[in-house]
Amino acid sequence: MAKLKRSGKTVRRAAAARGRSQTRRKAKAKTSSVLDSAIALLPFTEEQIQRIFLAIILGGAVALAWFVASLAGVPAMAQQQIAHLASDAGFEVRRVRVTGVDRMNELKVYERALAERDRPMPLVDLEALRSEMLALSWVSDARVSRQLPDTLAIDIVERVPHAALEKPGRFVLIDIDGNELETIKPEAAKTMLMLSGPGAARQARGLAKLLDAAPALEPQVAAAEWVGNRRWNLTFKTGQMLALPHGEDIAATALVSFARLDGTNRLLGGKVATFDMRVPERIYMRIPGRAQEVMSASEGGS
């Protein structure tokens, strides 16, 4: 008698296979849906995402090429090949973006930065370019970076003008540390605190601290002369002059005392042309023509 083979196991296996296939399709569809949703939440367009992935791929290729070339002992040749690869992929300087410039001439920044135009991004020496920026008189600090694929970003931190320094035949704008920024016209210098005397620029910060001791007088000071590399003569907007003593603390004490006297006796705007406080706890005042008046009175009395 012939025997029939049961096909139950085969049917069950086929059903199980179909079940597993359906499960994989559902999982794949769910994963794709989740991935699409995640991408949709990103603040990038599809084109930007493609560029990001291209940058990642190119970066990986560059790193691999550099590693292989280093093992072979030919990093310079590898660098050139990497540069050509980056340039062909569009990773070269085509735009320069400058921020932070307010008072200085922005063209001076572009003159240096545009020398990098059309250069492959891997060949741009960021530190050297930053050093060029720091060589500009107005620049206190600078940050230089690549913004792939084709932008060179330069963020400038400017120095802040503080006073006008009087030099032979000209006036120079300086910051509080005495760094010279640029030459200015005499008309512009008159609107600022004017400093004079050998070494005055190096003492600008110390003068600012001194004037902070008497805030009521500070806005009335028009000029300051650094005398004998040791002390200050202050000239007020009234044209009157105050001679301060030598020494940071002593000068500050004298200035505060003068501010108190001015508050009670209104010295500024009066007849006195010169106030001399170089002798501790004393103030000498000179009134123009007063000596002649005294002398004439003495002669008349005799």
Protein backbone atom coordinates (compact mmCIF):
# COMPACT_ATOMS: atom_id res chain seq x y z
CA MET A 1 0.00 0.00 0.00
CA ALA A 2 1.33 3.45 -0.92
CA LYS A 3 1.89 5.93 1.88
CA LEU A 4 0.92 9.60 1.64
CA LYS A 5 3.26 12.26 3.12
CA ARG A 6 1.68 14.90 5.23
CA SER A 7 2.29 18.47 4.17
CA GLY A 8 1.14 20.11 7.42
CA LYS A 9 4.63 21.14 8.46
CA THR A 10 5.30 22.64 5.06
CA VAL A 11 2.12 24.70 5.19
CA ARG A 12 2.93 25.91 8.68
CA ARG A 13 6.43 26.86 7.64
CA ALA A 14 5.16 28.84 4.69
CA ALA A 15 2.64 30.61 6.89
CA ALA A 16 5.31 31.42 9.43
CA ALA A 17 7.58 32.76 6.68
CA ARG A 18 4.80 34.95 5.37
CA GLY A 19 4.17 36.21 8.89
CA ARG A 20 7.81 37.09 9.41
CA SER A 21 7.90 38.86 6.05
CA GLN A 22 4.84 40.91 6.94
CA THR A 23 6.37 41.78 10.32
CA ARG A 24 9.59 42.98 8.65
CA ARG A 25 7.63 45.09 6.16
CA LYS A 26 5.61 46.68 8.95
CA ALA A 27 8.76 47.37 11.01
CA LYS A 28 10.49 48.87 7.98
CA ALA A 29 7.48 51.05 7.20
CA LYS A 30 7.28 52.15 10.82
CA THR A 31 11.02 52.93 10.93
CA SER A 32 10.80 54.92 7.70
CA SER A 33 7.82 56.82 9.06
CA VAL A 34 9.66 57.65 12.28
CA LEU A 35 12.80 58.68 10.34
CA ASP A 36 10.76 60.89 7.99
CA SER A 37 9.04 62.51 10.97
CA ALA A 38 12.38 63.14 12.68
CA ILE A 39 13.84 64.69 9.52
CA ALA A 40 10.75 66.87 9.12
CA LEU A 41 11.38 68.32 12.58
CA LEU A 42 14.91 69.45 11.67
CA PRO A 43 15.29 73.16 10.75
CA PHE A 44 16.87 72.31 7.37
CA THR A 45 15.62 71.96 3.84
CA GLU A 46 16.13 68.73 1.92
CA GLU A 47 18.89 70.40 -0.09
CA GLN A 48 20.67 71.51 3.08
CA ILE A 49 20.43 68.01 4.55
CA GLN A 50 21.98 66.62 1.37
CA ARG A 51 24.82 69.12 1.66
CA ILE A 52 25.38 68.15 5.29
CA PHE A 53 25.62 64.48 4.37
CA LEU A 54 27.93 65.39 1.49
CA ALA A 55 30.14 67.32 3.91
CA ILE A 56 30.23 64.33 6.27
CA ILE A 57 31.10 61.96 3.45
CA LEU A 58 33.76 64.33 2.11
CA GLY A 59 35.17 64.80 5.58
CA GLY A 60 35.43 61.05 6.03
CA ALA A 61 37.13 60.70 2.66
CA VAL A 62 39.55 63.49 3.52
CA ALA A 63 40.40 61.93 6.88
CA LEU A 64 40.95 58.53 5.30
CA ALA A 65 43.11 59.96 2.52
CA TRP A 66 45.18 61.92 4.99
CA PHE A 67 45.66 58.87 7.22
CA VAL A 68 46.77 56.70 4.30
CA ALA A 69 49.08 59.42 2.99
CA SER A 70 50.61 59.93 6.43
CA LEU A 71 51.38 56.23 6.66
CA ALA A 72 53.00 56.46 3.24
CA GLY A 73 55.02 59.54 4.29
CA VAL A 74 53.60 61.93 1.71
CA PRO A 75 51.27 64.30 3.67
CA ALA A 76 52.06 67.31 1.45
CA MET A 77 51.00 65.47 -1.68
CA ALA A 78 47.90 64.21 0.11
CA GLN A 79 47.01 67.73 1.17
CA GLN A 80 47.08 68.90 -2.43
CA GLN A 81 44.96 65.97 -3.56
CA ILE A 82 42.49 66.63 -0.75
CA ALA A 83 42.35 70.30 -1.71
CA HIS A 84 41.57 69.43 -5.33
CA LEU A 85 38.93 66.96 -4.19
CA ALA A 86 37.31 69.58 -1.95
CA SER A 87 37.46 72.23 -4.68
CA ASP A 88 35.84 69.92 -7.23
CA ALA A 89 33.06 69.22 -4.73
CA GLY A 90 32.41 72.97 -4.28
CA PHE A 91 34.26 73.34 -0.98
CA GLU A 92 36.23 76.48 -1.78
CA VAL A 93 36.03 80.10 -0.63
CA ARG A 94 33.43 81.94 -2.68
CA ARG A 95 31.98 84.25 -0.05
CA VAL A 96 33.36 86.22 2.91
CA ARG A 97 31.04 87.26 5.74
CA VAL A 98 32.28 89.96 8.16
CA THR A 99 30.49 90.84 11.41
CA GLY A 100 31.27 93.09 14.38
CA VAL A 101 32.55 96.06 12.38
CA ASP A 102 31.07 99.37 13.50
CA ARG A 103 33.60 102.21 13.56
CA MET A 104 36.58 100.91 11.57
CA ASN A 105 36.92 100.79 7.79
CA GLU A 106 35.40 97.43 6.83
CA LEU A 107 37.30 97.39 3.52
CA LYS A 108 40.54 96.78 5.42
CA VAL A 109 39.13 93.47 6.61
CA TYR A 110 37.93 92.47 3.16
CA GLU A 111 41.27 93.39 1.59
CA ARG A 112 42.93 90.66 3.62
CA ALA A 113 40.12 88.13 3.55
CA LEU A 114 39.51 88.28 -0.21
CA ALA A 115 43.05 87.04 -0.80
CA GLU A 116 41.61 83.65 0.18
CA ARG A 117 38.91 83.78 -2.51
CA ASP A 118 38.67 80.62 -4.68
CA ARG A 119 41.09 78.83 -2.36
CA PRO A 120 40.07 75.26 -1.43
CA MET A 121 38.72 75.21 2.12
CA PRO A 122 41.34 72.73 3.47
CA LEU A 123 44.13 75.12 2.37
CA VAL A 124 42.79 78.17 4.23
CA ASP A 125 45.10 78.93 7.16
CA LEU A 126 42.62 80.25 9.73
CA GLU A 127 45.25 81.14 12.33
CA ALA A 128 47.35 83.10 9.83
CA LEU A 129 44.29 85.02 8.65
CA ARG A 130 43.36 85.77 12.26
CA SER A 131 46.87 87.13 12.85
CA GLU A 132 46.38 89.46 9.88
CA MET A 133 43.14 90.72 11.42
CA LEU A 134 44.84 91.33 14.78
CA ALA A 135 47.47 93.43 13.01
CA LEU A 136 44.78 96.03 12.19
CA SER A 137 44.88 98.92 14.65
CA TRP A 138 41.14 98.82 15.39
CA VAL A 139 40.95 95.08 16.04
CA SER A 140 41.07 93.89 19.65
CA ASP A 141 40.20 90.28 18.82
CA ALA A 142 39.04 88.26 15.82
CA ARG A 143 37.44 84.87 15.22
CA VAL A 144 37.86 83.22 11.82
CA SER A 145 35.99 80.06 10.83
CA ARG A 146 34.87 78.01 7.84
CA GLN A 147 31.16 77.74 7.11
CA LEU A 148 30.90 74.88 4.65
CA PRO A 149 30.63 74.62 1.81
CA ASP A 150 31.92 77.99 0.58
CA THR A 151 31.85 80.76 3.21
CA LEU A 152 34.65 82.24 5.28
CA ALA A 153 33.23 83.88 8.44
CA ILE A 154 35.16 86.65 10.23
CA ASP A 155 33.87 88.08 13.51
CA ILE A 156 35.68 91.26 14.60
CA VAL A 157 35.87 92.66 18.15
CA GLU A 158 36.67 96.36 17.85
CA ARG A 159 38.61 98.54 20.25
CA VAL A 160 36.56 101.29 21.90
CA PRO A 161 37.71 104.92 21.34
CA HIS A 162 38.50 106.61 24.65
CA ALA A 163 40.39 109.86 24.07
CA ALA A 164 42.25 112.00 21.56
CA LEU A 165 46.02 112.03 22.02
CA GLU A 166 47.81 115.22 21.02
CA LYS A 167 51.00 114.52 19.06
CA PRO A 168 53.24 116.94 17.12
CA GLY A 169 51.06 118.34 14.33
CA ARG A 170 48.19 115.89 14.70
CA PHE A 171 45.65 114.17 16.94
CA VAL A 172 45.35 110.40 17.27
CA LEU A 173 42.36 108.45 18.52
CA ILE A 174 43.32 105.97 21.27
CA ASP A 175 41.54 103.36 23.36
CA ILE A 176 41.72 103.15 27.15
CA ASP A 177 44.94 101.07 26.97
CA GLY A 178 46.66 103.68 24.84
CA ASN A 179 46.51 101.76 21.55
CA GLU A 180 46.50 104.18 18.64
CA LEU A 181 43.50 103.66 16.35
CA GLU A 182 43.66 106.35 13.67
CA THR A 183 44.49 110.00 13.04
CA ILE A 184 41.56 112.39 13.48
CA LYS A 185 40.89 116.02 12.65
CA PRO A 186 41.30 118.73 15.32
CA GLU A 187 37.56 119.43 15.15
CA ALA A 188 36.79 115.84 16.10
CA ALA A 189 39.41 115.87 18.87
CA LYS A 190 37.71 118.83 20.56
CA THR A 191 34.61 116.72 21.21
CA MET A 192 36.62 114.14 23.18
CA LEU A 193 38.84 114.02 26.24
CA MET A 194 42.20 115.32 25.03
CA LEU A 195 45.45 113.90 26.42
CA SER A 196 48.92 115.39 26.06
CA GLY A 197 52.42 114.98 27.42
CA PRO A 198 55.10 112.30 26.88
CA GLY A 199 53.76 108.91 27.96
CA ALA A 200 50.18 110.15 28.39
CA ALA A 201 48.71 107.35 26.25
CA ARG A 202 50.11 104.68 28.58
CA GLN A 203 48.47 106.44 31.54
CA ALA A 204 44.97 106.65 30.01
CA ARG A 205 43.55 103.82 32.11
CA GLY A 206 45.04 105.28 35.29
CA LEU A 207 43.48 108.66 34.47
CA ALA A 208 40.08 107.03 33.97
CA LYS A 209 40.38 105.43 37.42
CA LEU A 210 41.41 108.80 38.90
CA LEU A 211 38.40 110.61 37.41
CA ASP A 212 36.09 107.85 38.68
CA ALA A 213 36.97 109.04 42.20
CA ALA A 214 35.09 112.30 41.53
CA PRO A 215 32.17 111.44 39.20
CA ALA A 216 30.67 114.93 39.49
CA LEU A 217 33.83 116.46 37.99
CA GLU A 218 34.54 113.84 35.34
CA PRO A 219 32.18 115.22 32.64
CA GLN A 220 33.63 118.71 33.16
CA VAL A 221 37.22 117.66 32.36
CA ALA A 222 38.14 118.67 28.80
CA ALA A 223 41.85 117.83 28.74
CA ALA A 224 44.60 116.26 30.82
CA GLU A 225 48.36 116.75 30.58
CA TRP A 226 50.77 114.13 31.91
CA VAL A 227 53.57 116.19 33.47
CA GLY A 228 57.11 114.95 34.11
CA ASN A 229 55.97 111.36 33.77
CA ARG A 230 54.56 111.56 37.30
CA ARG A 231 51.36 113.61 37.67
CA TRP A 232 48.35 115.21 35.94
CA ASN A 233 47.24 118.75 35.17
CA LEU A 234 43.50 118.76 34.45
CA THR A 235 41.86 121.44 32.30
CA PHE A 236 38.11 121.91 32.70
CA LYS A 237 35.64 123.01 30.05
CA THR A 238 35.66 126.44 31.73
CA GLY A 239 39.33 126.80 30.75
CA GLN A 240 40.49 126.59 34.38
CA MET A 241 43.36 124.28 35.31
CA LEU A 242 43.90 122.03 38.35
CA ALA A 243 47.42 120.82 39.20
CA LEU A 244 47.27 117.49 41.05
CA PRO A 245 50.03 115.97 43.20
CA HIS A 246 52.15 112.94 42.38
CA GLY A 247 50.88 109.54 43.51
CA GLU A 248 47.73 107.64 42.59
CA ASP A 249 46.04 107.71 46.01
CA ILE A 250 47.20 111.24 46.88
CA ALA A 251 45.96 112.59 43.55
CA ALA A 252 42.58 110.91 44.03
CA THR A 253 42.25 112.38 47.54
CA ALA A 254 43.11 115.86 46.24
CA LEU A 255 40.57 115.55 43.40
CA VAL A 256 37.81 114.50 45.82
CA SER A 257 38.67 117.47 48.07
CA PHE A 258 38.49 119.82 45.10
CA ALA A 259 35.09 118.37 44.14
CA ARG A 260 33.80 119.11 47.65
CA LEU A 261 35.15 122.67 47.57
CA ASP A 262 33.57 123.22 44.17
CA GLY A 263 30.27 121.91 45.48
CA THR A 264 30.21 124.39 48.34
CA ASN A 265 32.01 127.40 46.80
CA ARG A 266 31.44 127.02 43.05
CA LEU A 267 35.08 127.27 42.09
CA LEU A 268 34.54 126.27 38.46
CA GLY A 269 33.30 129.17 36.40
CA GLY A 270 34.74 131.74 38.80
CA LYS A 271 37.66 134.15 38.54
CA VAL A 272 40.39 131.69 39.54
CA ALA A 273 42.39 130.49 36.53
CA THR A 274 44.66 127.94 38.23
CA PHE A 275 44.19 125.70 41.25
CA ASP A 276 47.39 124.14 42.63
CA MET A 277 46.99 121.20 45.02
CA ARG A 278 50.50 119.75 44.79
CA VAL A 279 51.16 120.64 48.45
CA PRO A 280 49.23 118.25 50.77
CA GLU A 281 46.15 119.74 52.45
CA ARG A 282 46.66 123.10 50.74
CA ILE A 283 45.24 124.76 47.66
CA TYR A 284 46.80 127.72 45.92
CA MET A 285 44.68 129.79 43.56
CA ARG A 286 45.83 132.21 40.91
CA ILE A 287 43.56 134.95 39.60
CA PRO A 288 44.78 136.65 36.39
CA GLY A 289 45.87 140.25 37.04
CA ARG A 290 45.48 139.91 40.81
CA ALA A 291 49.21 140.29 41.47
CA GLN A 292 49.28 143.51 39.50
CA GLU A 293 46.28 144.79 41.44
CA VAL A 294 48.02 144.04 44.76
CA MET A 295 51.21 145.71 43.59
CA SER A 296 49.35 148.79 42.40
CA ALA A 297 47.48 149.01 45.70
CA SER A 298 50.77 148.77 47.64
CA GLU A 299 52.34 151.53 45.58
CA GLY A 300 49.27 153.73 46.00
CA GLY A 301 49.30 153.23 49.76
CA SER A 302 52.95 154.18 50.06
